[in-house]
Amino acid sequence: MQNLYIAPTSSTPEVNFQFDRHQLSLRGESYPENAHAFFGPIMQAINAYLPTLQSTQVTVDVQLAYFNSSSTKVLLELFSLFNDAAVAGNYITLNWHYIEDDETILEFGQEVADDFTALDFHPCALVE
């Protein structure tokens, strides 16, 4: 499976999915004009990758300083896929990076942890 790298822009995050190392990363801000167009290839890659796993440890790092409502919807779909992969016998660690004083991002991460209980959720505060 080909690794996936998408460079960040002013409105889209850096996507660095190293499938060969089972390390997936989203960093930056996400408020593209068309979230489904931006995230479409990412979701296709994830849908191709996850069925290949068998008792695999995967690390997902999310460090988004801001994301809009359309990105939120796609992110929840993504976390649902990861949760399903964990239920299927894989070990998915979700490292949720947030700025220490950013309650909104932290609370969203906690909602993700509550909704997708098969994920091994780790909140990681970043000091500015």
C-alpha atoms as a PDB file:
ATOM      1  CA  MET A   1       0.000   0.000   0.000  1.00  0.00           C
ATOM      2  CA  GLN A   2       1.323   3.454  -0.969  1.00  0.00           C
ATOM      3  CA  ASN A   3       1.930   5.921   1.799  1.00  0.00           C
ATOM      4  CA  LEU A   4      -0.113   9.108   1.563  1.00  0.00           C
ATOM      5  CA  TYR A   5       1.286  12.581   2.062  1.00  0.00           C
ATOM      6  CA  ILE A   6      -0.647  15.793   1.447  1.00  0.00           C
ATOM      7  CA  ALA A   7       1.141  19.064   2.218  1.00  0.00           C
ATOM      8  CA  PRO A   8      -0.732  21.544   4.404  1.00  0.00           C
ATOM      9  CA  THR A   9      -2.332  24.689   3.041  1.00  0.00           C
ATOM     10  CA  SER A  10      -3.839  27.648   4.843  1.00  0.00           C
ATOM     11  CA  SER A  11      -7.162  25.770   5.077  1.00  0.00           C
ATOM     12  CA  THR A  12      -6.204  22.080   5.009  1.00  0.00           C
ATOM     13  CA  PRO A  13      -4.086  19.969   7.345  1.00  0.00           C
ATOM     14  CA  GLU A  14      -0.911  18.081   6.652  1.00  0.00           C
ATOM     15  CA  VAL A  15      -1.788  14.446   6.051  1.00  0.00           C
ATOM     16  CA  ASN A  16       1.055  12.014   6.607  1.00  0.00           C
ATOM     17  CA  PHE A  17      -0.167   8.428   6.514  1.00  0.00           C
ATOM     18  CA  GLN A  18       2.784   6.048   6.634  1.00  0.00           C
ATOM     19  CA  PHE A  19       0.840   2.859   6.092  1.00  0.00           C
ATOM     20  CA  ASP A  20       4.031   0.779   5.966  1.00  0.00           C
ATOM     21  CA  ARG A  21       4.846   1.902   9.534  1.00  0.00           C
ATOM     22  CA  HIS A  22       1.194   1.994  10.726  1.00  0.00           C
ATOM     23  CA  GLN A  23       1.604   5.651  11.683  1.00  0.00           C
ATOM     24  CA  LEU A  24      -1.049   8.120  10.583  1.00  0.00           C
ATOM     25  CA  SER A  25      -0.945  11.844  11.264  1.00  0.00           C
ATOM     26  CA  LEU A  26      -3.195  14.872  10.707  1.00  0.00           C
ATOM     27  CA  ARG A  27      -1.754  18.272  11.685  1.00  0.00           C
ATOM     28  CA  GLY A  28      -2.775  21.874  11.193  1.00  0.00           C
ATOM     29  CA  GLU A  29      -6.168  23.412  10.499  1.00  0.00           C
ATOM     30  CA  SER A  30      -9.069  21.991   8.538  1.00  0.00           C
ATOM     31  CA  TYR A  31     -11.658  24.236   6.964  1.00  0.00           C
ATOM     32  CA  PRO A  32     -11.582  23.409   3.260  1.00  0.00           C
ATOM     33  CA  GLU A  33     -14.314  24.789   1.015  1.00  0.00           C
ATOM     34  CA  ASN A  34     -15.350  21.226   0.219  1.00  0.00           C
ATOM     35  CA  ALA A  35     -14.439  18.827   3.029  1.00  0.00           C
ATOM     36  CA  HIS A  36     -15.663  15.767   1.124  1.00  0.00           C
ATOM     37  CA  ALA A  37     -13.484  16.635  -1.871  1.00  0.00           C
ATOM     38  CA  PHE A  38     -10.421  17.096   0.340  1.00  0.00           C
ATOM     39  CA  PHE A  39     -11.026  14.081   2.572  1.00  0.00           C
ATOM     40  CA  GLY A  40     -12.321  11.804  -0.220  1.00  0.00           C
ATOM     41  CA  PRO A  41      -8.898  10.408  -1.224  1.00  0.00           C
ATOM     42  CA  ILE A  42      -7.965  10.085   2.462  1.00  0.00           C
ATOM     43  CA  MET A  43     -11.088   8.064   3.206  1.00  0.00           C
ATOM     44  CA  GLN A  44     -10.465   5.886   0.132  1.00  0.00           C
ATOM     45  CA  ALA A  45      -6.936   5.166   1.334  1.00  0.00           C
ATOM     46  CA  ILE A  46      -8.156   4.322   4.851  1.00  0.00           C
ATOM     47  CA  ASN A  47     -10.894   2.073   3.451  1.00  0.00           C
ATOM     48  CA  ALA A  48      -8.251   0.206   1.447  1.00  0.00           C
ATOM     49  CA  TYR A  49      -5.765   0.049   4.351  1.00  0.00           C
ATOM     50  CA  LEU A  50      -7.868  -1.063   7.306  1.00  0.00           C
ATOM     51  CA  PRO A  51      -9.065  -4.405   5.856  1.00  0.00           C
ATOM     52  CA  THR A  52      -5.417  -5.439   5.374  1.00  0.00           C
ATOM     53  CA  LEU A  53      -4.773  -5.300   9.126  1.00  0.00           C
ATOM     54  CA  GLN A  54      -4.725  -8.323  11.376  1.00  0.00           C
ATOM     55  CA  SER A  55      -3.889  -7.840  15.061  1.00  0.00           C
ATOM     56  CA  THR A  56      -1.910  -4.753  14.070  1.00  0.00           C
ATOM     57  CA  GLN A  57      -0.866  -1.840  16.271  1.00  0.00           C
ATOM     58  CA  VAL A  58      -1.660   1.500  14.588  1.00  0.00           C
ATOM     59  CA  THR A  59      -0.842   4.948  15.943  1.00  0.00           C
ATOM     60  CA  VAL A  60      -2.993   7.891  14.888  1.00  0.00           C
ATOM     61  CA  ASP A  61      -1.789  11.385  15.817  1.00  0.00           C
ATOM     62  CA  VAL A  62      -4.300  14.219  15.467  1.00  0.00           C
ATOM     63  CA  GLN A  63      -3.084  17.749  16.096  1.00  0.00           C
ATOM     64  CA  LEU A  64      -5.707  20.062  14.676  1.00  0.00           C
ATOM     65  CA  ALA A  65      -5.792  23.607  16.024  1.00  0.00           C
ATOM     66  CA  TYR A  66      -9.107  24.287  14.293  1.00  0.00           C
ATOM     67  CA  PHE A  67     -11.640  22.400  12.189  1.00  0.00           C
ATOM     68  CA  ASN A  68     -15.015  23.480  10.857  1.00  0.00           C
ATOM     69  CA  SER A  69     -18.306  21.608  11.052  1.00  0.00           C
ATOM     70  CA  SER A  70     -17.943  19.868   7.681  1.00  0.00           C
ATOM     71  CA  SER A  71     -14.479  18.642   8.694  1.00  0.00           C
ATOM     72  CA  THR A  72     -15.935  17.476  12.007  1.00  0.00           C
ATOM     73  CA  LYS A  73     -18.402  15.245  10.199  1.00  0.00           C
ATOM     74  CA  VAL A  74     -15.673  13.621   8.102  1.00  0.00           C
ATOM     75  CA  LEU A  75     -13.378  13.243  11.126  1.00  0.00           C
ATOM     76  CA  LEU A  76     -16.148  11.392  12.969  1.00  0.00           C
ATOM     77  CA  GLU A  77     -16.516   9.057   9.987  1.00  0.00           C
ATOM     78  CA  LEU A  78     -12.764   8.468  10.078  1.00  0.00           C
ATOM     79  CA  PHE A  79     -12.760   7.721  13.816  1.00  0.00           C
ATOM     80  CA  SER A  80     -15.669   5.336  13.284  1.00  0.00           C
ATOM     81  CA  LEU A  81     -13.584   3.388  10.765  1.00  0.00           C
ATOM     82  CA  PHE A  82     -10.670   3.230  13.198  1.00  0.00           C
ATOM     83  CA  ASN A  83     -13.013   2.128  15.980  1.00  0.00           C
ATOM     84  CA  ASP A  84     -14.374  -0.672  13.770  1.00  0.00           C
ATOM     85  CA  ALA A  85     -10.806  -1.780  13.026  1.00  0.00           C
ATOM     86  CA  ALA A  86     -10.094  -1.901  16.769  1.00  0.00           C
ATOM     87  CA  VAL A  87     -13.246  -3.942  17.396  1.00  0.00           C
ATOM     88  CA  ALA A  88     -12.025  -6.324  14.675  1.00  0.00           C
ATOM     89  CA  GLY A  89      -8.914  -7.099  16.730  1.00  0.00           C
ATOM     90  CA  ASN A  90      -6.443  -4.335  15.942  1.00  0.00           C
ATOM     91  CA  TYR A  91      -4.917  -2.006  18.511  1.00  0.00           C
ATOM     92  CA  ILE A  92      -5.559   1.612  17.523  1.00  0.00           C
ATOM     93  CA  THR A  93      -3.935   4.345  19.612  1.00  0.00           C
ATOM     94  CA  LEU A  94      -5.364   7.825  19.100  1.00  0.00           C
ATOM     95  CA  ASN A  95      -3.027  10.538  20.367  1.00  0.00           C
ATOM     96  CA  TRP A  96      -5.155  13.683  20.602  1.00  0.00           C
ATOM     97  CA  HIS A  97      -2.853  16.717  20.660  1.00  0.00           C
ATOM     98  CA  TYR A  98      -4.337  20.044  21.745  1.00  0.00           C
ATOM     99  CA  ILE A  99      -3.107  23.414  22.962  1.00  0.00           C
ATOM    100  CA  GLU A 100      -3.217  23.329  26.759  1.00  0.00           C
ATOM    101  CA  ASP A 101      -5.789  26.133  27.122  1.00  0.00           C
ATOM    102  CA  ASP A 102      -7.994  25.079  24.197  1.00  0.00           C
ATOM    103  CA  GLU A 103     -11.046  23.641  25.930  1.00  0.00           C
ATOM    104  CA  THR A 104     -13.013  23.264  22.681  1.00  0.00           C
ATOM    105  CA  ILE A 105     -10.502  20.936  21.029  1.00  0.00           C
ATOM    106  CA  LEU A 106     -10.003  18.996  24.275  1.00  0.00           C
ATOM    107  CA  GLU A 107     -13.760  18.539  24.748  1.00  0.00           C
ATOM    108  CA  PHE A 108     -14.171  17.300  21.187  1.00  0.00           C
ATOM    109  CA  GLY A 109     -11.404  14.778  21.798  1.00  0.00           C
ATOM    110  CA  GLN A 110     -13.123  13.609  24.971  1.00  0.00           C
ATOM    111  CA  GLU A 111     -16.365  13.162  23.012  1.00  0.00           C
ATOM    112  CA  VAL A 112     -14.453  11.059  20.485  1.00  0.00           C
ATOM    113  CA  ALA A 113     -13.105   8.931  23.347  1.00  0.00           C
ATOM    114  CA  ASP A 114     -16.625   8.518  24.776  1.00  0.00           C
ATOM    115  CA  ASP A 115     -18.189   7.646  21.409  1.00  0.00           C
ATOM    116  CA  PHE A 116     -15.454   5.339  20.093  1.00  0.00           C
ATOM    117  CA  THR A 117     -14.544   3.263  23.117  1.00  0.00           C
ATOM    118  CA  ALA A 118     -12.460   0.659  21.250  1.00  0.00           C
ATOM    119  CA  LEU A 119      -9.811   3.315  20.552  1.00  0.00           C
ATOM    120  CA  ASP A 120      -6.968   3.714  23.019  1.00  0.00           C
ATOM    121  CA  PHE A 121      -7.375   7.467  23.511  1.00  0.00           C
ATOM    122  CA  HIS A 122      -4.512   9.602  24.831  1.00  0.00           C
ATOM    123  CA  PRO A 123      -5.018  13.363  25.314  1.00  0.00           C
ATOM    124  CA  CYS A 124      -1.694  15.185  24.863  1.00  0.00           C
ATOM    125  CA  ALA A 125      -1.553  18.797  26.037  1.00  0.00           C
ATOM    126  CA  LEU A 126       0.802  21.092  24.186  1.00  0.00           C
ATOM    127  CA  VAL A 127       2.198  24.104  26.022  1.00  0.00           C
ATOM    128  CA  GLU A 128       2.431  27.273  23.940  1.00  0.00           C
END
